[in-house]
């Protein structure tokens, strides 16, 4: 089994790089696309279940709606 090696020469400001790869004894040239770092990116994660909408509260609301009276926990 032949070992594969990859050598990439980095240069600033380029959107793509050319890599020289040695695969099974042959030199292969391949194009490598580079994604630049994005500054000032804000990602907000939304929790799957918010604390004010827990299953227990939803079950109490459903019970209150079915018989029209508040649950014993709500009194």
N, C-alpha and C. Protein backbone atom coordinates (compact mmCIF):
# COMPACT_ATOMS: atom_id res chain seq x y z
N UNK A 1 0.85 -1.17 0.00
CA UNK A 1 0.00 0.00 0.00
C UNK A 1 0.90 1.24 0.00
N UNK A 2 0.65 2.13 -0.91
CA UNK A 2 1.44 3.36 -1.00
C UNK A 2 0.86 4.40 -0.06
N UNK A 3 1.74 5.22 0.49
CA UNK A 3 1.30 6.29 1.38
C UNK A 3 1.00 7.53 0.56
N UNK A 4 0.01 8.28 0.96
CA UNK A 4 -0.35 9.52 0.29
C UNK A 4 0.16 10.70 1.10
N UNK A 5 0.72 11.67 0.42
CA UNK A 5 1.18 12.89 1.09
C UNK A 5 0.55 14.09 0.41
N UNK A 6 0.29 15.11 1.20
CA UNK A 6 -0.31 16.33 0.67
C UNK A 6 0.54 17.50 1.12
N UNK A 7 0.87 18.37 0.19
CA UNK A 7 1.61 19.59 0.51
C UNK A 7 0.83 20.77 -0.07
N UNK A 8 0.47 21.70 0.79
CA UNK A 8 -0.29 22.86 0.35
C UNK A 8 0.51 24.11 0.71
N UNK A 9 0.80 24.93 -0.28
CA UNK A 9 1.49 26.19 -0.04
C UNK A 9 0.45 27.26 0.23
N UNK A 10 0.53 27.89 1.40
CA UNK A 10 -0.48 28.88 1.78
C UNK A 10 -0.06 30.27 1.32
N UNK A 11 -1.02 31.03 0.87
CA UNK A 11 -0.81 32.42 0.48
C UNK A 11 -2.01 33.22 0.95
N UNK A 12 -1.75 34.41 1.46
CA UNK A 12 -2.84 35.23 1.97
C UNK A 12 -3.61 35.86 0.83
N UNK A 13 -4.91 35.98 1.02
CA UNK A 13 -5.75 36.67 0.06
C UNK A 13 -6.22 35.84 -1.12
N UNK A 14 -5.88 34.57 -1.18
CA UNK A 14 -6.34 33.74 -2.29
C UNK A 14 -7.57 32.95 -1.86
N UNK A 15 -8.50 32.81 -2.77
CA UNK A 15 -9.71 32.04 -2.49
C UNK A 15 -9.52 30.57 -2.79
N UNK A 16 -8.48 30.23 -3.52
CA UNK A 16 -8.22 28.82 -3.83
C UNK A 16 -6.73 28.56 -3.80
N UNK A 17 -6.37 27.32 -3.58
CA UNK A 17 -4.98 26.90 -3.53
C UNK A 17 -4.78 25.72 -4.48
N UNK A 18 -3.57 25.55 -4.94
CA UNK A 18 -3.24 24.38 -5.75
C UNK A 18 -2.39 23.47 -4.89
N UNK A 19 -2.80 22.22 -4.74
CA UNK A 19 -2.09 21.26 -3.91
C UNK A 19 -1.45 20.21 -4.79
N UNK A 20 -0.22 19.85 -4.44
CA UNK A 20 0.46 18.76 -5.12
C UNK A 20 0.33 17.52 -4.25
N UNK A 21 -0.22 16.46 -4.79
CA UNK A 21 -0.50 15.25 -4.02
C UNK A 21 0.22 14.08 -4.67
N UNK A 22 0.85 13.25 -3.84
CA UNK A 22 1.50 12.04 -4.33
C UNK A 22 0.60 10.86 -3.97
N UNK A 23 -0.03 10.25 -4.97
CA UNK A 23 -0.95 9.14 -4.75
C UNK A 23 -0.48 7.96 -5.58
N UNK A 24 -0.19 6.84 -4.91
CA UNK A 24 0.25 5.61 -5.57
C UNK A 24 1.41 5.86 -6.53
N UNK A 25 2.37 6.66 -6.10
CA UNK A 25 3.56 6.90 -6.91
C UNK A 25 3.38 7.92 -8.02
N UNK A 26 2.22 8.49 -8.18
CA UNK A 26 1.96 9.49 -9.21
C UNK A 26 1.75 10.85 -8.57
N UNK A 27 2.25 11.87 -9.20
CA UNK A 27 2.03 13.23 -8.73
C UNK A 27 0.75 13.75 -9.35
N UNK A 28 -0.15 14.19 -8.50
CA UNK A 28 -1.45 14.68 -8.94
C UNK A 28 -1.61 16.11 -8.44
N UNK A 29 -2.16 16.95 -9.26
CA UNK A 29 -2.43 18.33 -8.86
C UNK A 29 -3.94 18.48 -8.68
N UNK A 30 -4.32 19.08 -7.54
CA UNK A 30 -5.74 19.28 -7.30
C UNK A 30 -5.99 20.68 -6.78
N UNK A 31 -7.17 21.18 -7.05
CA UNK A 31 -7.56 22.52 -6.63
C UNK A 31 -8.27 22.42 -5.28
N UNK A 32 -7.82 23.22 -4.32
CA UNK A 32 -8.40 23.22 -2.98
C UNK A 32 -9.03 24.59 -2.75
N UNK A 33 -10.35 24.62 -2.49
CA UNK A 33 -11.03 25.87 -2.20
C UNK A 33 -10.92 26.19 -0.72
N UNK A 34 -10.63 27.44 -0.42
CA UNK A 34 -10.42 27.87 0.95
C UNK A 34 -11.51 28.88 1.31
N UNK A 35 -12.15 28.67 2.45
CA UNK A 35 -13.16 29.60 2.94
C UNK A 35 -12.51 30.48 4.00
N UNK A 36 -12.62 31.78 3.82
CA UNK A 36 -11.99 32.69 4.76
C UNK A 36 -12.79 32.78 6.05
N UNK A 37 -12.13 33.22 7.11
CA UNK A 37 -12.77 33.37 8.41
C UNK A 37 -13.73 34.56 8.37
N UNK A 38 -14.93 34.35 8.90
CA UNK A 38 -15.94 35.41 8.91
C UNK A 38 -15.89 36.10 10.27
N UNK A 39 -15.69 37.40 10.25
CA UNK A 39 -15.63 38.16 11.49
C UNK A 39 -17.00 38.71 11.84
N UNK A 40 -17.21 38.95 13.11
CA UNK A 40 -18.44 39.53 13.64
C UNK A 40 -19.67 38.70 13.29
N UNK A 41 -19.54 37.40 13.35
CA UNK A 41 -20.66 36.50 13.08
C UNK A 41 -21.29 36.10 14.41
N UNK A 42 -22.55 36.38 14.56
CA UNK A 42 -23.25 36.03 15.81
C UNK A 42 -24.23 34.90 15.52
N UNK A 43 -24.06 33.83 16.24
CA UNK A 43 -24.95 32.68 16.09
C UNK A 43 -25.70 32.50 17.41
N UNK A 44 -26.99 32.45 17.34
CA UNK A 44 -27.80 32.25 18.53
C UNK A 44 -28.41 30.84 18.49
N UNK A 45 -28.22 30.11 19.55
CA UNK A 45 -28.78 28.78 19.65
C UNK A 45 -30.09 28.85 20.43
N UNK A 46 -31.11 28.21 19.93
CA UNK A 46 -32.41 28.21 20.58
C UNK A 46 -32.57 26.87 21.29
N UNK A 47 -32.87 26.89 22.58
CA UNK A 47 -33.05 25.62 23.28
C UNK A 47 -34.26 24.86 22.75
N UNK A 48 -34.19 23.55 22.80
CA UNK A 48 -35.28 22.72 22.27
C UNK A 48 -36.56 22.93 23.06
N UNK A 49 -36.45 22.99 24.38
CA UNK A 49 -37.62 23.23 25.23
C UNK A 49 -37.26 24.40 26.14
N UNK A 50 -37.96 25.48 26.01
CA UNK A 50 -37.73 26.63 26.87
C UNK A 50 -38.24 26.32 28.27
N UNK A 51 -37.65 26.94 29.29
CA UNK A 51 -38.02 26.62 30.67
C UNK A 51 -39.46 26.99 30.97
N UNK A 52 -40.01 28.02 30.32
CA UNK A 52 -41.40 28.40 30.59
C UNK A 52 -42.40 27.54 29.83
N UNK A 53 -41.93 26.65 28.98
CA UNK A 53 -42.81 25.75 28.23
C UNK A 53 -42.46 24.30 28.51
N UNK A 54 -42.23 23.99 29.76
CA UNK A 54 -41.85 22.62 30.10
C UNK A 54 -43.06 21.69 29.93
N UNK A 55 -42.84 20.40 29.77
CA UNK A 55 -43.96 19.46 29.58
C UNK A 55 -44.96 19.49 30.73
N UNK A 56 -44.49 19.68 31.97
CA UNK A 56 -45.41 19.73 33.10
C UNK A 56 -46.40 20.88 32.99
N UNK A 57 -45.91 22.04 32.61
CA UNK A 57 -46.79 23.21 32.46
C UNK A 57 -47.77 23.00 31.31
N UNK A 58 -47.30 22.42 30.24
CA UNK A 58 -48.19 22.17 29.11
C UNK A 58 -49.29 21.18 29.48
N UNK A 59 -48.94 20.16 30.27
CA UNK A 59 -49.95 19.19 30.71
C UNK A 59 -50.98 19.85 31.61
N UNK A 60 -50.54 20.76 32.50
CA UNK A 60 -51.48 21.47 33.37
C UNK A 60 -52.41 22.35 32.55
N UNK A 61 -51.86 23.03 31.54
CA UNK A 61 -52.69 23.88 30.69
C UNK A 61 -53.72 23.04 29.94
N UNK A 62 -53.32 21.87 29.49
CA UNK A 62 -54.24 21.00 28.77
C UNK A 62 -55.35 20.51 29.70
N UNK A 63 -55.01 20.16 30.95
CA UNK A 63 -56.01 19.73 31.92
C UNK A 63 -56.97 20.85 32.27
N UNK A 64 -56.46 22.07 32.36
CA UNK A 64 -57.31 23.22 32.67
C UNK A 64 -58.28 23.50 31.53
N UNK A 65 -57.83 23.31 30.32
CA UNK A 65 -58.69 23.57 29.17
C UNK A 65 -59.77 22.50 29.03
N UNK A 66 -59.48 21.27 29.43
CA UNK A 66 -60.46 20.20 29.22
C UNK A 66 -61.66 20.30 30.17
N UNK A 67 -61.44 20.70 31.43
CA UNK A 67 -62.57 20.77 32.35
C UNK A 67 -62.96 22.21 32.71
N UNK A 68 -62.25 23.20 32.24
CA UNK A 68 -62.60 24.59 32.47
C UNK A 68 -62.19 25.15 33.81
N UNK A 69 -61.69 24.32 34.73
CA UNK A 69 -61.25 24.78 36.04
C UNK A 69 -59.74 24.72 36.13
N UNK A 70 -59.15 25.62 36.92
CA UNK A 70 -57.70 25.55 37.09
C UNK A 70 -57.29 24.27 37.81
N UNK A 71 -56.10 23.83 37.58
CA UNK A 71 -55.61 22.62 38.22
C UNK A 71 -55.35 22.88 39.70
N UNK A 72 -55.19 21.81 40.48
CA UNK A 72 -54.94 21.97 41.92
C UNK A 72 -53.60 22.65 42.18
N UNK A 73 -52.65 22.49 41.29
CA UNK A 73 -51.35 23.14 41.45
C UNK A 73 -51.45 24.64 41.26
N UNK A 74 -52.38 25.09 40.45
CA UNK A 74 -52.50 26.51 40.15
C UNK A 74 -53.27 27.27 41.22
N UNK A 75 -53.98 26.58 42.12
CA UNK A 75 -54.78 27.25 43.16
C UNK A 75 -53.93 27.79 44.26
